[in-house]
Protein backbone atom coordinates (compact mmCIF):
# COMPACT_ATOMS: atom_id res chain seq x y z
CA UNK A 1 4.85 27.29 -4.57
CA UNK A 2 4.98 23.60 -5.83
CA UNK A 3 2.40 21.07 -4.59
CA UNK A 4 2.98 17.54 -5.27
CA UNK A 5 0.89 15.94 -7.93
CA UNK A 6 -2.13 14.30 -7.05
CA UNK A 7 -1.70 10.36 -7.28
CA UNK A 8 -3.71 9.20 -10.43
CA UNK A 9 -5.65 6.03 -10.32
CA UNK A 10 -2.95 4.42 -12.75
CA UNK A 11 -0.37 4.84 -10.13
CA UNK A 12 -2.41 3.28 -7.24
CA UNK A 13 -1.37 -0.21 -5.96
CA UNK A 14 -2.82 -3.25 -7.27
CA UNK A 15 -4.89 -5.09 -4.53
CA UNK A 16 -6.04 -8.72 -4.12
CA UNK A 17 -9.38 -9.17 -3.03
CA UNK A 18 -11.10 -12.29 -1.17
CA UNK A 19 -14.48 -12.83 -0.20
CA UNK A 20 -16.02 -15.33 2.19
CA UNK A 21 -19.67 -15.86 1.09
CA UNK A 22 -21.19 -16.81 4.58
CA UNK A 23 -19.28 -17.60 7.97
CA UNK A 24 -17.70 -20.77 8.73
CA UNK A 25 -16.14 -21.05 5.21
CA UNK A 26 -13.22 -20.30 3.25
CA UNK A 27 -12.25 -16.87 1.62
CA UNK A 28 -11.88 -17.10 -2.07
CA UNK A 29 -9.92 -15.11 -4.16
CA UNK A 30 -12.32 -12.96 -6.64
CA UNK A 31 -10.24 -10.83 -8.41
CA UNK A 32 -8.02 -7.64 -8.21
CA UNK A 33 -8.59 -4.06 -8.27
CA UNK A 34 -6.57 -0.81 -7.73
CA UNK A 35 -6.78 1.60 -4.74
CA UNK A 36 -5.01 4.33 -3.10
CA UNK A 37 -5.12 2.67 0.39
CA UNK A 38 -6.40 -0.09 2.00
CA UNK A 39 -9.80 1.45 3.26
CA UNK A 40 -10.34 2.60 -0.12
CA UNK A 41 -9.63 -1.01 -1.36
CA UNK A 42 -11.94 -2.41 1.31
CA UNK A 43 -14.72 -0.37 0.04
CA UNK A 44 -14.18 -0.85 -3.64
CA UNK A 45 -14.04 -4.67 -3.28
CA UNK A 46 -17.47 -4.19 -1.33
CA UNK A 47 -18.87 -2.41 -4.05
CA UNK A 48 -17.61 -4.49 -6.89
CA UNK A 49 -17.61 -8.04 -5.77
CA UNK A 50 -20.47 -7.99 -2.83
CA UNK A 51 -23.16 -6.19 -4.84
CA UNK A 52 -25.86 -8.84 -4.24
CA UNK A 53 -25.08 -9.49 -0.67
CA UNK A 54 -23.02 -12.38 -1.41
CA UNK A 55 -20.39 -11.67 1.04
CA UNK A 56 -20.02 -11.77 4.79
CA UNK A 57 -16.24 -10.83 5.02
CA UNK A 58 -13.57 -9.14 2.69
CA UNK A 59 -9.95 -9.34 2.75
CA UNK A 60 -7.53 -7.16 0.63
CA UNK A 61 -3.98 -7.91 0.03
CA UNK A 62 -1.74 -5.90 -1.66
CA UNK A 63 -0.39 -7.78 -4.70
CA UNK A 64 3.40 -6.91 -4.08
CA UNK A 65 3.05 -8.24 -0.53
CA UNK A 66 2.03 -11.89 -1.73
CA UNK A 67 4.78 -14.46 -1.67
CA UNK A 68 4.25 -17.76 -3.64
CA UNK A 69 5.89 -21.02 -3.88
CA UNK A 70 8.41 -21.64 -6.98
CA UNK A 71 6.65 -23.79 -9.46
CA UNK A 72 10.11 -25.39 -10.15
CA UNK A 73 10.32 -26.74 -6.72
CA UNK A 74 6.72 -28.66 -6.87
CA UNK A 75 8.19 -32.10 -6.73
CA UNK A 76 10.18 -31.22 -3.32
CA UNK A 77 7.46 -29.06 -1.98
CA UNK A 78 4.61 -31.13 -2.35
CA UNK A 79 5.62 -34.74 -2.56
CA UNK A 80 3.80 -37.02 -0.40
CA UNK A 81 5.37 -38.14 2.87
CA UNK A 82 5.26 -41.73 2.25
CA UNK A 83 7.95 -42.50 4.87
CA UNK A 84 6.04 -40.71 7.37
CA UNK A 85 3.32 -43.07 7.60
CA UNK A 86 2.11 -41.56 11.16
CA UNK A 87 0.47 -38.57 8.90
CA UNK A 88 -1.94 -40.82 7.30
CA UNK A 89 -5.10 -41.76 9.35
CA UNK A 90 -5.28 -45.51 8.56
CA UNK A 91 -4.35 -46.29 12.08
CA UNK A 92 -7.41 -45.08 13.71
CA UNK A 93 -10.81 -46.77 14.07
CA UNK A 94 -13.63 -44.45 13.54
CA UNK A 95 -17.15 -44.92 15.02
CA UNK A 96 -19.66 -45.82 12.48
CA UNK A 97 -21.54 -42.43 13.26
CA UNK A 98 -18.77 -40.74 11.23
CA UNK A 99 -19.33 -42.27 7.86
CA UNK A 100 -18.77 -39.12 5.94
CA UNK A 101 -15.17 -38.99 6.70
């Protein structure tokens, strides 16, 4: 009876790891790892990237599921919208208590 070959770590998919160091701030990309499934990826991410209690949340995403903008379209994708002045907050008067804005 033939049994399927066991999947080796070299064949495991690549996962990108994002860690939030404390509640209320953004998740930051920490690195990548190979894991057989999402549960293993979470566990490995915790073991590798939060060993010193620096994380409060971990996200893992299969690398092949990430879609990025095309660098060749940088101009049209990220040009400021100067013709849409209503998007600029210059029309609002802020109270003096909000000096940090």
